[in-house]
Amino acid sequence: MTTYPRDRFSYSSPFTRPRLKLPGKGRMIVWSVVNIEEWEITRPMARQLSIAPQGQSAIPDMPNWTWYEYGMRVGFWRLMRALKKAKVTPTMSLNARVCETYPEATAAARDAGWEFMAHSYVQMPIQQIADKQAEIMQQSIDILQKFTGKFPYGWLGPGRGQMFDTLDHVAKAGFTWFGDWVLDDQPIWVKTANGPLVAIPYSAEINDITMMVSHHHESDVLFSRTRDAFDRLYLESKESTRILAIGVHPYVTGQAHRIKYFEQLYAYINKHPGVVHWTGQQIHDWFVKQVPKPRD
């Protein structure tokens, strides 16, 4: 029998549910996620910035592949510098093969203490590997664990995609939290056939793919939209802690004309007292102490 998403969690208003509190004078959480992908040149590109003549997609798609490659060669390092300056340790969601293709970049992230979140093996829709989900998840775990020496407890599907049974596989593989869902500003417990998971709120709109690639906004919108979201969540966090997820990609935010808005954003956020920059695992560990695990 198919388990639909609403069968996996209960509904509640954020203004009436039990209050979430941070330690000490903490008020609000910012979760920074840098997405690192592996685009195979022999497949259609994960995203297209340059449209081919006559609108006919081609393989190999050199214009879009080199756009992505710029992110790994240049944009990644800009993001790393900006986050170091802001004193932020991000979560890095990465296709596991990135560890093999770009070992210098992934080693730099590992050595800087970045959290590694499993993001499948390569950037490919989950629907294309629906019958191999368990195998791909285990492959991703094995590579990341060998590279970092740590088990990656978090999962983010490529494009945040899922099949109806994906979360059952996620739990069975040993993951304890995931970031695919954008349905709240606070974590929630999610039921699976293999025990509960924590859904840590990611964002569909505070994401450079949405803002810059899908909606074609000017570069400064990266700052203004995220600032406005931060201001509202910071206000609401006075009642109960909220989470602002900021999702970026090296080939988008790492561009020369955008990076300054990323830097300005963190300078703005860091002026506010009570803001903590946490990784996904830190958020998970805090939440499970606040809200008891549901009974199966």
C-alpha atoms as a PDB file:
ATOM      1  CA  MET A   1       0.000   0.000   0.000  1.00  0.00           C
ATOM      2  CA  THR A   2       1.299   3.458  -0.914  1.00  0.00           C
ATOM      3  CA  THR A   3       2.168   5.783   1.957  1.00  0.00           C
ATOM      4  CA  TYR A   4       1.487   9.382   1.001  1.00  0.00           C
ATOM      5  CA  PRO A   5       3.367  12.311   2.575  1.00  0.00           C
ATOM      6  CA  ARG A   6       0.457  13.435   4.785  1.00  0.00           C
ATOM      7  CA  ASP A   7       0.320   9.929   6.249  1.00  0.00           C
ATOM      8  CA  ARG A   8       3.786  10.489   7.657  1.00  0.00           C
ATOM      9  CA  PHE A   9       3.291  13.556   9.875  1.00  0.00           C
ATOM     10  CA  SER A  10       0.685  15.423  11.905  1.00  0.00           C
ATOM     11  CA  TYR A  11      -0.569  18.955  11.311  1.00  0.00           C
ATOM     12  CA  SER A  12      -0.053  21.778  13.814  1.00  0.00           C
ATOM     13  CA  SER A  13       0.037  25.568  13.844  1.00  0.00           C
ATOM     14  CA  PRO A  14       3.459  27.113  14.520  1.00  0.00           C
ATOM     15  CA  PHE A  15       1.774  29.560  16.900  1.00  0.00           C
ATOM     16  CA  THR A  16       0.139  26.941  19.131  1.00  0.00           C
ATOM     17  CA  ARG A  17       2.591  24.015  19.129  1.00  0.00           C
ATOM     18  CA  PRO A  18       4.993  23.591  22.084  1.00  0.00           C
ATOM     19  CA  ARG A  19       7.671  26.259  22.244  1.00  0.00           C
ATOM     20  CA  LEU A  20      11.170  25.428  21.002  1.00  0.00           C
ATOM     21  CA  LYS A  21      14.035  27.040  22.914  1.00  0.00           C
ATOM     22  CA  LEU A  22      17.732  27.390  22.216  1.00  0.00           C
ATOM     23  CA  PRO A  23      20.340  27.143  24.973  1.00  0.00           C
ATOM     24  CA  GLY A  24      21.342  30.305  26.813  1.00  0.00           C
ATOM     25  CA  LYS A  25      20.434  33.487  24.988  1.00  0.00           C
ATOM     26  CA  GLY A  26      19.993  31.754  21.638  1.00  0.00           C
ATOM     27  CA  ARG A  27      16.962  32.798  19.629  1.00  0.00           C
ATOM     28  CA  MET A  28      17.120  31.709  15.993  1.00  0.00           C
ATOM     29  CA  ILE A  29      18.996  29.166  13.853  1.00  0.00           C
ATOM     30  CA  VAL A  30      20.543  29.807  10.451  1.00  0.00           C
ATOM     31  CA  TRP A  31      21.284  26.641   8.467  1.00  0.00           C
ATOM     32  CA  SER A  32      23.672  27.320   5.597  1.00  0.00           C
ATOM     33  CA  VAL A  33      23.744  24.656   2.887  1.00  0.00           C
ATOM     34  CA  VAL A  34      26.284  24.616   0.065  1.00  0.00           C
ATOM     35  CA  ASN A  35      25.181  22.210  -2.670  1.00  0.00           C
ATOM     36  CA  ILE A  36      27.992  20.467  -4.559  1.00  0.00           C
ATOM     37  CA  GLU A  37      26.961  18.396  -7.563  1.00  0.00           C
ATOM     38  CA  GLU A  38      28.419  16.074 -10.184  1.00  0.00           C
ATOM     39  CA  TRP A  39      27.035  16.748 -13.661  1.00  0.00           C
ATOM     40  CA  GLU A  40      27.881  13.984 -16.102  1.00  0.00           C
ATOM     41  CA  ILE A  41      28.788  15.381 -19.516  1.00  0.00           C
ATOM     42  CA  THR A  42      27.240  12.331 -21.209  1.00  0.00           C
ATOM     43  CA  ARG A  43      23.761  13.107 -19.816  1.00  0.00           C
ATOM     44  CA  PRO A  44      21.373  16.059 -20.119  1.00  0.00           C
ATOM     45  CA  MET A  45      22.542  18.809 -17.794  1.00  0.00           C
ATOM     46  CA  ALA A  46      20.838  19.106 -14.420  1.00  0.00           C
ATOM     47  CA  ARG A  47      19.987  22.734 -15.222  1.00  0.00           C
ATOM     48  CA  GLN A  48      20.282  24.989 -18.216  1.00  0.00           C
ATOM     49  CA  LEU A  49      21.388  28.596 -18.195  1.00  0.00           C
ATOM     50  CA  SER A  50      22.282  28.752 -21.889  1.00  0.00           C
ATOM     51  CA  ILE A  51      19.519  27.704 -24.288  1.00  0.00           C
ATOM     52  CA  ALA A  52      20.743  25.919 -27.402  1.00  0.00           C
ATOM     53  CA  PRO A  53      19.957  27.337 -30.878  1.00  0.00           C
ATOM     54  CA  GLN A  54      16.444  26.384 -32.010  1.00  0.00           C
ATOM     55  CA  GLY A  55      15.825  25.253 -28.425  1.00  0.00           C
ATOM     56  CA  GLN A  56      17.182  21.780 -29.115  1.00  0.00           C
ATOM     57  CA  SER A  57      19.078  20.338 -26.157  1.00  0.00           C
ATOM     58  CA  ALA A  58      22.314  18.681 -27.141  1.00  0.00           C
ATOM     59  CA  ILE A  59      24.618  16.054 -25.661  1.00  0.00           C
ATOM     60  CA  PRO A  60      27.299  16.978 -24.886  1.00  0.00           C
ATOM     61  CA  ASP A  61      25.934  20.279 -23.607  1.00  0.00           C
ATOM     62  CA  MET A  62      29.227  22.124 -23.356  1.00  0.00           C
ATOM     63  CA  PRO A  63      27.861  25.638 -22.595  1.00  0.00           C
ATOM     64  CA  ASN A  64      25.965  24.501 -19.508  1.00  0.00           C
ATOM     65  CA  TRP A  65      28.518  21.944 -18.386  1.00  0.00           C
ATOM     66  CA  THR A  66      31.262  24.577 -18.337  1.00  0.00           C
ATOM     67  CA  TRP A  67      28.947  26.915 -16.388  1.00  0.00           C
ATOM     68  CA  TYR A  68      28.698  24.213 -13.734  1.00  0.00           C
ATOM     69  CA  GLU A  69      32.439  23.500 -13.938  1.00  0.00           C
ATOM     70  CA  TYR A  70      33.157  27.187 -13.234  1.00  0.00           C
ATOM     71  CA  GLY A  71      31.396  26.668  -9.931  1.00  0.00           C
ATOM     72  CA  MET A  72      33.782  23.904  -8.948  1.00  0.00           C
ATOM     73  CA  ARG A  73      36.914  25.632 -10.227  1.00  0.00           C
ATOM     74  CA  VAL A  74      36.169  29.150  -8.937  1.00  0.00           C
ATOM     75  CA  GLY A  75      32.785  29.641  -7.261  1.00  0.00           C
ATOM     76  CA  PHE A  76      33.333  26.999  -4.592  1.00  0.00           C
ATOM     77  CA  TRP A  77      36.468  28.727  -3.345  1.00  0.00           C
ATOM     78  CA  ARG A  78      34.726  32.107  -3.202  1.00  0.00           C
ATOM     79  CA  LEU A  79      31.964  30.618  -1.062  1.00  0.00           C
ATOM     80  CA  MET A  80      34.514  28.987   1.213  1.00  0.00           C
ATOM     81  CA  ARG A  81      36.307  32.296   1.772  1.00  0.00           C
ATOM     82  CA  ALA A  82      33.054  34.150   2.424  1.00  0.00           C
ATOM     83  CA  LEU A  83      31.821  31.598   4.957  1.00  0.00           C
ATOM     84  CA  LYS A  84      35.168  31.509   6.738  1.00  0.00           C
ATOM     85  CA  LYS A  85      35.091  35.300   7.038  1.00  0.00           C
ATOM     86  CA  ALA A  86      31.554  35.107   8.466  1.00  0.00           C
ATOM     87  CA  LYS A  87      32.664  32.369  10.909  1.00  0.00           C
ATOM     88  CA  VAL A  88      30.045  29.974   9.544  1.00  0.00           C
ATOM     89  CA  THR A  89      30.512  26.214   9.313  1.00  0.00           C
ATOM     90  CA  PRO A  90      27.997  25.086   6.682  1.00  0.00           C
ATOM     91  CA  THR A  91      26.431  21.825   5.721  1.00  0.00           C
ATOM     92  CA  MET A  92      27.652  20.631   2.337  1.00  0.00           C
ATOM     93  CA  SER A  93      25.176  18.480   0.455  1.00  0.00           C
ATOM     94  CA  LEU A  94      27.176  16.644  -2.149  1.00  0.00           C
ATOM     95  CA  ASN A  95      26.867  13.928  -4.724  1.00  0.00           C
ATOM     96  CA  ALA A  96      29.277  11.319  -3.396  1.00  0.00           C
ATOM     97  CA  ARG A  97      31.216  11.101  -6.648  1.00  0.00           C
ATOM     98  CA  VAL A  98      32.367  14.674  -6.073  1.00  0.00           C
ATOM     99  CA  CYS A  99      34.843  13.214  -3.567  1.00  0.00           C
ATOM    100  CA  GLU A 100      36.411  11.302  -6.459  1.00  0.00           C
ATOM    101  CA  THR A 101      36.177  13.994  -9.137  1.00  0.00           C
ATOM    102  CA  TYR A 102      37.100  17.047  -7.042  1.00  0.00           C
ATOM    103  CA  PRO A 103      39.191  15.702  -4.144  1.00  0.00           C
ATOM    104  CA  GLU A 104      40.980  19.026  -3.575  1.00  0.00           C
ATOM    105  CA  ALA A 105      37.712  20.892  -3.017  1.00  0.00           C
ATOM    106  CA  THR A 106      36.116  18.220  -0.851  1.00  0.00           C
ATOM    107  CA  ALA A 107      39.295  17.793   1.200  1.00  0.00           C
ATOM    108  CA  ALA A 108      39.343  21.544   1.844  1.00  0.00           C
ATOM    109  CA  ALA A 109      35.727  21.388   3.034  1.00  0.00           C
ATOM    110  CA  ARG A 110      36.436  18.368   5.218  1.00  0.00           C
ATOM    111  CA  ASP A 111      39.510  19.973   6.757  1.00  0.00           C
ATOM    112  CA  ALA A 112      37.548  23.174   7.431  1.00  0.00           C
ATOM    113  CA  GLY A 113      35.019  21.151   9.432  1.00  0.00           C
ATOM    114  CA  TRP A 114      32.130  21.388   6.989  1.00  0.00           C
ATOM    115  CA  GLU A 115      29.348  18.868   7.536  1.00  0.00           C
ATOM    116  CA  PHE A 116      28.901  16.363   4.697  1.00  0.00           C
ATOM    117  CA  MET A 117      25.262  15.565   3.848  1.00  0.00           C
ATOM    118  CA  ALA A 118      24.588  12.724   1.401  1.00  0.00           C
ATOM    119  CA  HIS A 119      23.054  13.913  -1.874  1.00  0.00           C
ATOM    120  CA  SER A 120      23.033  10.668  -3.894  1.00  0.00           C
ATOM    121  CA  TYR A 121      25.954   9.553  -6.095  1.00  0.00           C
ATOM    122  CA  VAL A 122      25.525  11.900  -9.075  1.00  0.00           C
ATOM    123  CA  GLN A 123      22.976  14.610  -9.874  1.00  0.00           C
ATOM    124  CA  MET A 124      20.193  12.533 -11.387  1.00  0.00           C
ATOM    125  CA  PRO A 125      16.416  12.563 -10.725  1.00  0.00           C
ATOM    126  CA  ILE A 126      15.425  10.032  -8.074  1.00  0.00           C
ATOM    127  CA  GLN A 127      12.682   8.835 -10.425  1.00  0.00           C
ATOM    128  CA  GLN A 128      15.367   7.499 -12.779  1.00  0.00           C
ATOM    129  CA  ILE A 129      16.858   5.320 -10.055  1.00  0.00           C
ATOM    130  CA  ALA A 130      13.636   4.405  -8.240  1.00  0.00           C
ATOM    131  CA  ASP A 131      14.467   0.688  -8.241  1.00  0.00           C
ATOM    132  CA  LYS A 132      18.029   1.313  -7.027  1.00  0.00           C
ATOM    133  CA  GLN A 133      17.435   3.763  -4.191  1.00  0.00           C
ATOM    134  CA  ALA A 134      18.808   1.528  -1.435  1.00  0.00           C
ATOM    135  CA  GLU A 135      21.876   0.679  -3.502  1.00  0.00           C
ATOM    136  CA  ILE A 136      22.609   4.324  -4.361  1.00  0.00           C
ATOM    137  CA  MET A 137      22.170   5.434  -0.757  1.00  0.00           C
ATOM    138  CA  GLN A 138      24.574   2.784   0.495  1.00  0.00           C
ATOM    139  CA  GLN A 139      27.081   3.678  -2.209  1.00  0.00           C
ATOM    140  CA  SER A 140      26.885   7.320  -1.151  1.00  0.00           C
ATOM    141  CA  ILE A 141      27.316   6.439   2.516  1.00  0.00           C
ATOM    142  CA  ASP A 142      30.347   4.246   1.829  1.00  0.00           C
ATOM    143  CA  ILE A 143      32.156   6.924  -0.179  1.00  0.00           C
ATOM    144  CA  LEU A 144      31.435   9.780   2.229  1.00  0.00           C
ATOM    145  CA  GLN A 145      32.283   7.727   5.298  1.00  0.00           C
ATOM    146  CA  LYS A 146      35.585   6.615   3.792  1.00  0.00           C
ATOM    147  CA  PHE A 147      36.452  10.180   2.770  1.00  0.00           C
ATOM    148  CA  THR A 148      35.518  11.902   6.041  1.00  0.00           C
ATOM    149  CA  GLY A 149      35.819   9.125   8.604  1.00  0.00           C
ATOM    150  CA  LYS A 150      32.279   9.925   9.742  1.00  0.00           C
ATOM    151  CA  PHE A 151      28.857   8.453   8.999  1.00  0.00           C
ATOM    152  CA  PRO A 152      26.707  11.006   7.110  1.00  0.00           C
ATOM    153  CA  TYR A 153      23.465  11.059   9.075  1.00  0.00           C
ATOM    154  CA  GLY A 154      21.715  13.575   6.801  1.00  0.00           C
ATOM    155  CA  TRP A 155      20.164  13.018   3.365  1.00  0.00           C
ATOM    156  CA  LEU A 156      19.051  15.445   0.642  1.00  0.00           C
ATOM    157  CA  GLY A 157      17.641  13.982  -2.557  1.00  0.00           C
ATOM    158  CA  PRO A 158      18.794  15.340  -5.929  1.00  0.00           C
ATOM    159  CA  GLY A 159      16.507  18.267  -6.667  1.00  0.00           C
ATOM    160  CA  ARG A 160      14.831  17.408  -3.324  1.00  0.00           C
ATOM    161  CA  GLY A 161      13.075  14.634  -5.230  1.00  0.00           C
ATOM    162  CA  GLN A 162      11.425  11.610  -3.647  1.00  0.00           C
ATOM    163  CA  MET A 163       9.379   8.584  -4.548  1.00  0.00           C
ATOM    164  CA  PHE A 164       6.582   7.654  -2.156  1.00  0.00           C
ATOM    165  CA  ASP A 165       8.859   5.074  -0.518  1.00  0.00           C
ATOM    166  CA  THR A 166      12.095   7.090  -0.486  1.00  0.00           C
ATOM    167  CA  LEU A 167      11.930   7.976   3.197  1.00  0.00           C
ATOM    168  CA  ASP A 168      11.539   4.302   4.103  1.00  0.00           C
ATOM    169  CA  HIS A 169      14.847   3.681   2.327  1.00  0.00           C
ATOM    170  CA  VAL A 170      16.412   6.739   3.970  1.00  0.00           C
ATOM    171  CA  ALA A 171      15.610   5.449   7.455  1.00  0.00           C
ATOM    172  CA  LYS A 172      16.670   1.886   6.662  1.00  0.00           C
ATOM    173  CA  ALA A 173      20.042   3.108   5.373  1.00  0.00           C
ATOM    174  CA  GLY A 174      20.764   4.629   8.785  1.00  0.00           C
ATOM    175  CA  PHE A 175      20.107   8.299   8.106  1.00  0.00           C
ATOM    176  CA  THR A 176      18.378  10.088  10.986  1.00  0.00           C
ATOM    177  CA  TRP A 177      17.358  13.332   9.287  1.00  0.00           C
ATOM    178  CA  PHE A 178      16.681  14.726   5.827  1.00  0.00           C
ATOM    179  CA  GLY A 179      16.270  18.128   4.192  1.00  0.00           C
ATOM    180  CA  ASP A 180      14.013  17.512   1.189  1.00  0.00           C
ATOM    181  CA  TRP A 181      10.854  19.081   2.570  1.00  0.00           C
ATOM    182  CA  VAL A 182      10.144  22.810   2.647  1.00  0.00           C
ATOM    183  CA  LEU A 183       6.848  22.662   4.547  1.00  0.00           C
ATOM    184  CA  ASP A 184       7.755  24.351   7.847  1.00  0.00           C
ATOM    185  CA  ASP A 185      10.104  26.722   9.665  1.00  0.00           C
ATOM    186  CA  GLN A 186      10.790  24.176  12.415  1.00  0.00           C
ATOM    187  CA  PRO A 187      11.826  20.513  12.369  1.00  0.00           C
ATOM    188  CA  ILE A 188       9.133  17.861  12.505  1.00  0.00           C
ATOM    189  CA  TRP A 189       9.061  14.134  13.144  1.00  0.00           C
ATOM    190  CA  VAL A 190       8.225  12.002  10.117  1.00  0.00           C
ATOM    191  CA  LYS A 191       7.039   8.399  10.200  1.00  0.00           C
ATOM    192  CA  THR A 192       8.628   5.717   8.025  1.00  0.00           C
ATOM    193  CA  ALA A 193       8.377   1.951   7.774  1.00  0.00           C
ATOM    194  CA  ASN A 194      11.764   1.767   9.471  1.00  0.00           C
ATOM    195  CA  GLY A 195      11.375   4.211  12.325  1.00  0.00           C
ATOM    196  CA  PRO A 196      10.939   7.992  12.553  1.00  0.00           C
ATOM    197  CA  LEU A 197      13.124  10.602  10.872  1.00  0.00           C
ATOM    198  CA  VAL A 198      13.538  14.306  11.558  1.00  0.00           C
ATOM    199  CA  ALA A 199      12.674  16.622   8.668  1.00  0.00           C
ATOM    200  CA  ILE A 200      14.893  19.693   8.954  1.00  0.00           C
ATOM    201  CA  PRO A 201      13.288  22.600   7.088  1.00  0.00           C
ATOM    202  CA  TYR A 202      15.074  23.521   3.881  1.00  0.00           C
ATOM    203  CA  SER A 203      13.809  26.362   1.678  1.00  0.00           C
ATOM    204  CA  ALA A 204      12.419  26.473  -1.841  1.00  0.00           C
ATOM    205  CA  GLU A 205      12.534  30.267  -2.045  1.00  0.00           C
ATOM    206  CA  ILE A 206      15.647  31.194  -0.063  1.00  0.00           C
ATOM    207  CA  ASN A 207      17.673  29.317  -2.626  1.00  0.00           C
ATOM    208  CA  ASP A 208      19.824  30.701  -5.415  1.00  0.00           C
ATOM    209  CA  ILE A 209      18.452  28.262  -8.003  1.00  0.00           C
ATOM    210  CA  THR A 210      14.929  29.587  -7.441  1.00  0.00           C
ATOM    211  CA  MET A 211      15.922  33.239  -7.282  1.00  0.00           C
ATOM    212  CA  MET A 212      18.519  33.436 -10.015  1.00  0.00           C
ATOM    213  CA  VAL A 213      18.025  30.502 -12.386  1.00  0.00           C
ATOM    214  CA  SER A 214      14.256  29.956 -12.243  1.00  0.00           C
ATOM    215  CA  HIS A 215      12.968  33.465 -11.505  1.00  0.00           C
ATOM    216  CA  HIS A 216      15.801  35.392 -13.218  1.00  0.00           C
ATOM    217  CA  HIS A 217      16.072  38.038 -10.500  1.00  0.00           C
ATOM    218  CA  GLU A 218      18.851  40.592 -10.310  1.00  0.00           C
ATOM    219  CA  SER A 219      21.819  39.539  -8.195  1.00  0.00           C
ATOM    220  CA  ASP A 220      20.980  41.843  -5.280  1.00  0.00           C
ATOM    221  CA  VAL A 221      17.746  39.925  -4.653  1.00  0.00           C
ATOM    222  CA  LEU A 222      19.905  37.243  -3.063  1.00  0.00           C
ATOM    223  CA  PHE A 223      20.486  39.733  -0.261  1.00  0.00           C
ATOM    224  CA  SER A 224      17.124  41.511  -0.111  1.00  0.00           C
ATOM    225  CA  ARG A 225      14.865  38.445  -0.190  1.00  0.00           C
ATOM    226  CA  THR A 226      16.942  36.528   2.342  1.00  0.00           C
ATOM    227  CA  ARG A 227      17.178  39.593   4.589  1.00  0.00           C
ATOM    228  CA  ASP A 228      13.390  39.971   4.556  1.00  0.00           C
ATOM    229  CA  ALA A 229      12.890  36.292   5.386  1.00  0.00           C
ATOM    230  CA  PHE A 230      15.459  36.545   8.162  1.00  0.00           C
ATOM    231  CA  ASP A 231      13.772  39.613   9.669  1.00  0.00           C
ATOM    232  CA  ARG A 232      10.389  37.895   9.901  1.00  0.00           C
ATOM    233  CA  LEU A 233      11.769  34.638  11.289  1.00  0.00           C
ATOM    234  CA  TYR A 234      13.912  36.531  13.790  1.00  0.00           C
ATOM    235  CA  LEU A 235      10.793  38.355  14.985  1.00  0.00           C
ATOM    236  CA  GLU A 236       8.798  35.134  15.296  1.00  0.00           C
ATOM    237  CA  SER A 237      11.700  33.385  17.023  1.00  0.00           C
ATOM    238  CA  LYS A 238      11.047  35.557  20.054  1.00  0.00           C
ATOM    239  CA  GLU A 239       8.081  33.239  20.680  1.00  0.00           C
ATOM    240  CA  SER A 240       9.620  29.966  19.496  1.00  0.00           C
ATOM    241  CA  THR A 241      12.862  29.243  17.647  1.00  0.00           C
ATOM    242  CA  ARG A 242      12.648  29.277  13.857  1.00  0.00           C
ATOM    243  CA  ILE A 243      15.157  28.091  11.261  1.00  0.00           C
ATOM    244  CA  LEU A 244      16.271  29.975   8.179  1.00  0.00           C
ATOM    245  CA  ALA A 245      17.838  27.680   5.599  1.00  0.00           C
ATOM    246  CA  ILE A 246      20.032  29.347   2.985  1.00  0.00           C
ATOM    247  CA  GLY A 247      20.742  27.113  -0.002  1.00  0.00           C
ATOM    248  CA  VAL A 248      23.442  28.081  -2.494  1.00  0.00           C
ATOM    249  CA  HIS A 249      25.363  26.524  -5.389  1.00  0.00           C
ATOM    250  CA  PRO A 250      28.925  27.442  -6.429  1.00  0.00           C
ATOM    251  CA  TYR A 251      27.987  27.971 -10.080  1.00  0.00           C
ATOM    252  CA  VAL A 252      25.288  30.489  -9.085  1.00  0.00           C
ATOM    253  CA  THR A 253      26.219  32.388  -5.926  1.00  0.00           C
ATOM    254  CA  GLY A 254      29.921  31.841  -6.530  1.00  0.00           C
ATOM    255  CA  GLN A 255      29.810  34.083  -9.598  1.00  0.00           C
ATOM    256  CA  ALA A 256      31.844  37.302  -9.440  1.00  0.00           C
ATOM    257  CA  HIS A 257      28.756  39.538  -9.688  1.00  0.00           C
ATOM    258  CA  ARG A 258      26.878  37.783  -6.841  1.00  0.00           C
ATOM    259  CA  ILE A 259      29.400  36.910  -4.159  1.00  0.00           C
ATOM    260  CA  LYS A 260      29.342  40.378  -2.577  1.00  0.00           C
ATOM    261  CA  TYR A 261      25.625  40.031  -1.825  1.00  0.00           C
ATOM    262  CA  PHE A 262      26.319  36.708  -0.123  1.00  0.00           C
ATOM    263  CA  GLU A 263      28.995  38.392   1.992  1.00  0.00           C
ATOM    264  CA  GLN A 264      26.693  41.309   2.818  1.00  0.00           C
ATOM    265  CA  LEU A 265      23.961  38.900   3.855  1.00  0.00           C
ATOM    266  CA  TYR A 266      26.047  37.200   6.530  1.00  0.00           C
ATOM    267  CA  ALA A 267      27.400  40.525   7.761  1.00  0.00           C
ATOM    268  CA  TYR A 268      23.778  41.614   8.244  1.00  0.00           C
ATOM    269  CA  ILE A 269      22.716  38.394   9.968  1.00  0.00           C
ATOM    270  CA  ASN A 270      25.692  38.417  12.313  1.00  0.00           C
ATOM    271  CA  LYS A 271      24.729  41.829  13.692  1.00  0.00           C
ATOM    272  CA  HIS A 272      21.704  40.261  15.396  1.00  0.00           C
ATOM    273  CA  PRO A 273      22.104  38.826  18.911  1.00  0.00           C
ATOM    274  CA  GLY A 274      20.888  35.316  19.585  1.00  0.00           C
ATOM    275  CA  VAL A 275      21.510  33.926  16.100  1.00  0.00           C
ATOM    276  CA  VAL A 276      23.361  30.609  15.917  1.00  0.00           C
ATOM    277  CA  HIS A 277      24.819  29.072  12.765  1.00  0.00           C
ATOM    278  CA  TRP A 278      24.264  25.333  13.084  1.00  0.00           C
ATOM    279  CA  THR A 279      24.794  22.294  10.910  1.00  0.00           C
ATOM    280  CA  GLY A 280      22.026  19.830  10.191  1.00  0.00           C
ATOM    281  CA  GLN A 281      23.275  17.406  12.831  1.00  0.00           C
ATOM    282  CA  GLN A 282      23.372  20.125  15.472  1.00  0.00           C
ATOM    283  CA  ILE A 283      19.784  21.024  14.627  1.00  0.00           C
ATOM    284  CA  HIS A 284      18.756  17.363  14.787  1.00  0.00           C
ATOM    285  CA  ASP A 285      20.413  16.776  18.161  1.00  0.00           C
ATOM    286  CA  TRP A 286      18.840  19.907  19.635  1.00  0.00           C
ATOM    287  CA  PHE A 287      15.368  19.100  18.311  1.00  0.00           C
ATOM    288  CA  VAL A 288      15.200  15.495  19.532  1.00  0.00           C
ATOM    289  CA  LYS A 289      15.890  16.739  23.064  1.00  0.00           C
ATOM    290  CA  GLN A 290      13.031  19.239  22.756  1.00  0.00           C
ATOM    291  CA  VAL A 291      10.380  17.056  21.139  1.00  0.00           C
ATOM    292  CA  PRO A 292      10.099  13.361  22.072  1.00  0.00           C
ATOM    293  CA  LYS A 293      10.300  10.764  19.335  1.00  0.00           C
ATOM    294  CA  PRO A 294       6.774   9.640  18.348  1.00  0.00           C
ATOM    295  CA  ARG A 295       5.695   6.112  19.018  1.00  0.00           C
ATOM    296  CA  ASP A 296       5.511   3.842  15.974  1.00  0.00           C
END
